[in-house]
C-alpha atoms as a PDB file:
ATOM      1  CA  UNK A   1      -6.651 175.510 158.158  1.00  0.00           C
ATOM      2  CA  UNK A   2      -9.106 173.822 155.829  1.00  0.00           C
ATOM      3  CA  UNK A   3     -10.427 176.619 153.620  1.00  0.00           C
ATOM      4  CA  UNK A   4     -13.447 174.673 152.381  1.00  0.00           C
ATOM      5  CA  UNK A   5     -14.373 173.610 155.927  1.00  0.00           C
ATOM      6  CA  UNK A   6     -13.483 176.887 157.668  1.00  0.00           C
ATOM      7  CA  UNK A   7     -15.498 179.180 155.395  1.00  0.00           C
ATOM      8  CA  UNK A   8     -18.960 180.621 155.950  1.00  0.00           C
ATOM      9  CA  UNK A   9     -20.997 183.499 154.636  1.00  0.00           C
ATOM     10  CA  UNK A  10     -21.202 186.670 156.659  1.00  0.00           C
ATOM     11  CA  UNK A  11     -24.982 186.261 156.719  1.00  0.00           C
ATOM     12  CA  UNK A  12     -24.653 182.760 158.200  1.00  0.00           C
ATOM     13  CA  UNK A  13     -22.206 184.104 160.773  1.00  0.00           C
ATOM     14  CA  UNK A  14     -24.675 186.839 161.743  1.00  0.00           C
ATOM     15  CA  UNK A  15     -27.595 184.405 161.985  1.00  0.00           C
ATOM     16  CA  UNK A  16     -25.625 181.756 163.924  1.00  0.00           C
ATOM     17  CA  UNK A  17     -23.079 183.837 165.804  1.00  0.00           C
ATOM     18  CA  UNK A  18     -23.126 181.737 168.989  1.00  0.00           C
ATOM     19  CA  UNK A  19     -22.477 178.502 167.072  1.00  0.00           C
ATOM     20  CA  UNK A  20     -19.666 180.074 165.048  1.00  0.00           C
ATOM     21  CA  UNK A  21     -18.025 181.527 168.162  1.00  0.00           C
ATOM     22  CA  UNK A  22     -18.221 178.174 169.934  1.00  0.00           C
ATOM     23  CA  UNK A  23     -16.650 176.486 166.913  1.00  0.00           C
ATOM     24  CA  UNK A  24     -13.888 179.084 166.741  1.00  0.00           C
ATOM     25  CA  UNK A  25     -13.052 178.604 170.402  1.00  0.00           C
ATOM     26  CA  UNK A  26     -13.195 174.807 170.240  1.00  0.00           C
ATOM     27  CA  UNK A  27     -11.196 174.373 167.025  1.00  0.00           C
ATOM     28  CA  UNK A  28      -8.725 177.213 167.520  1.00  0.00           C
ATOM     29  CA  UNK A  29      -8.816 177.705 163.746  1.00  0.00           C
ATOM     30  CA  UNK A  30      -9.793 180.978 162.083  1.00  0.00           C
ATOM     31  CA  UNK A  31     -12.883 181.186 159.912  1.00  0.00           C
ATOM     32  CA  UNK A  32     -13.105 182.936 156.558  1.00  0.00           C
ATOM     33  CA  UNK A  33     -16.284 184.917 156.048  1.00  0.00           C
ATOM     34  CA  UNK A  34     -17.543 185.556 152.543  1.00  0.00           C
ATOM     35  CA  UNK A  35     -19.678 188.296 151.070  1.00  0.00           C
ATOM     36  CA  UNK A  36     -21.339 187.427 147.771  1.00  0.00           C
ATOM     37  CA  UNK A  37     -19.281 184.229 147.719  1.00  0.00           C
ATOM     38  CA  UNK A  38     -15.936 186.038 147.904  1.00  0.00           C
ATOM     39  CA  UNK A  39     -13.594 185.804 150.915  1.00  0.00           C
ATOM     40  CA  UNK A  40     -13.636 189.156 152.719  1.00  0.00           C
ATOM     41  CA  UNK A  41     -12.946 188.726 156.434  1.00  0.00           C
ATOM     42  CA  UNK A  42     -11.154 186.362 158.807  1.00  0.00           C
ATOM     43  CA  UNK A  43     -12.394 185.893 162.371  1.00  0.00           C
ATOM     44  CA  UNK A  44     -10.474 184.121 165.091  1.00  0.00           C
ATOM     45  CA  UNK A  45     -10.778 183.451 168.807  1.00  0.00           C
ATOM     46  CA  UNK A  46      -8.593 185.604 171.029  1.00  0.00           C
ATOM     47  CA  UNK A  47      -6.338 182.806 172.332  1.00  0.00           C
ATOM     48  CA  UNK A  48      -5.449 181.660 168.815  1.00  0.00           C
ATOM     49  CA  UNK A  49      -4.944 185.249 167.712  1.00  0.00           C
ATOM     50  CA  UNK A  50      -2.597 185.932 170.647  1.00  0.00           C
ATOM     51  CA  UNK A  51      -0.624 182.780 169.818  1.00  0.00           C
ATOM     52  CA  UNK A  52      -0.316 184.002 166.224  1.00  0.00           C
ATOM     53  CA  UNK A  53       0.862 187.439 167.362  1.00  0.00           C
ATOM     54  CA  UNK A  54       3.390 185.852 169.743  1.00  0.00           C
ATOM     55  CA  UNK A  55       4.778 183.670 166.947  1.00  0.00           C
ATOM     56  CA  UNK A  56       5.061 186.650 164.601  1.00  0.00           C
ATOM     57  CA  UNK A  57       6.895 188.684 167.266  1.00  0.00           C
ATOM     58  CA  UNK A  58       9.236 185.747 167.912  1.00  0.00           C
ATOM     59  CA  UNK A  59      10.034 185.449 164.198  1.00  0.00           C
ATOM     60  CA  UNK A  60      10.742 189.191 163.974  1.00  0.00           C
ATOM     61  CA  UNK A  61      13.049 188.979 167.004  1.00  0.00           C
ATOM     62  CA  UNK A  62      14.950 186.026 165.549  1.00  0.00           C
ATOM     63  CA  UNK A  63      15.321 187.881 162.238  1.00  0.00           C
ATOM     64  CA  UNK A  64      16.669 190.971 164.030  1.00  0.00           C
ATOM     65  CA  UNK A  65      19.160 188.921 166.039  1.00  0.00           C
ATOM     66  CA  UNK A  66      20.264 187.116 162.881  1.00  0.00           C
ATOM     67  CA  UNK A  67      20.731 190.454 161.116  1.00  0.00           C
ATOM     68  CA  UNK A  68      22.959 191.582 164.000  1.00  0.00           C
ATOM     69  CA  UNK A  69      24.993 188.374 163.841  1.00  0.00           C
ATOM     70  CA  UNK A  70      25.361 188.720 160.069  1.00  0.00           C
ATOM     71  CA  UNK A  71      26.470 192.342 160.483  1.00  0.00           C
ATOM     72  CA  UNK A  72      29.044 191.304 163.073  1.00  0.00           C
ATOM     73  CA  UNK A  73      30.301 188.501 160.828  1.00  0.00           C
ATOM     74  CA  UNK A  74      30.829 191.041 158.025  1.00  0.00           C
ATOM     75  CA  UNK A  75      33.007 193.066 160.375  1.00  0.00           C
ATOM     76  CA  UNK A  76      30.496 195.858 160.737  1.00  0.00           C
ATOM     77  CA  UNK A  77      29.798 197.655 163.980  1.00  0.00           C
ATOM     78  CA  UNK A  78      32.005 198.883 166.789  1.00  0.00           C
ATOM     79  CA  UNK A  79      33.310 197.462 170.046  1.00  0.00           C
ATOM     80  CA  UNK A  80      31.029 197.991 173.050  1.00  0.00           C
ATOM     81  CA  UNK A  81      33.422 200.412 174.742  1.00  0.00           C
ATOM     82  CA  UNK A  82      33.502 202.595 171.632  1.00  0.00           C
ATOM     83  CA  UNK A  83      29.709 202.430 171.355  1.00  0.00           C
ATOM     84  CA  UNK A  84      29.318 203.649 174.952  1.00  0.00           C
ATOM     85  CA  UNK A  85      31.809 206.442 174.341  1.00  0.00           C
ATOM     86  CA  UNK A  86      29.822 207.568 171.290  1.00  0.00           C
ATOM     87  CA  UNK A  87      26.556 207.447 173.239  1.00  0.00           C
ATOM     88  CA  UNK A  88      28.023 209.368 176.179  1.00  0.00           C
ATOM     89  CA  UNK A  89      29.407 211.987 173.781  1.00  0.00           C
ATOM     90  CA  UNK A  90      26.010 212.368 172.052  1.00  0.00           C
ATOM     91  CA  UNK A  91      24.314 212.757 175.460  1.00  0.00           C
ATOM     92  CA  UNK A  92      26.957 215.162 176.742  1.00  0.00           C
ATOM     93  CA  UNK A  93      27.997 212.775 179.501  1.00  0.00           C
ATOM     94  CA  UNK A  94      31.523 212.230 180.752  1.00  0.00           C
ATOM     95  CA  UNK A  95      33.265 209.006 179.934  1.00  0.00           C
ATOM     96  CA  UNK A  96      34.353 206.722 182.795  1.00  0.00           C
ATOM     97  CA  UNK A  97      37.950 206.804 181.530  1.00  0.00           C
END
């Protein structure tokens, strides 16, 4: 993202909405909108936004998996059989043993 290139005033965006939307879709880059010369809002086309959301969700998933691996490596947690026994007990279900 090139902040100086990808910045416009909110008034310009309102007056030239079609051109801004076409640029957003073509470039795939977000645009910073300013009010009184100060950055206030970011607009982005839906495909780029979805890609950003997907990447964020992927990063969160990787972090959660890594946290689980780290926990396991520290010797934390229980064996799967014990976990199922605890769950069955909490749910009032009979164990398969």
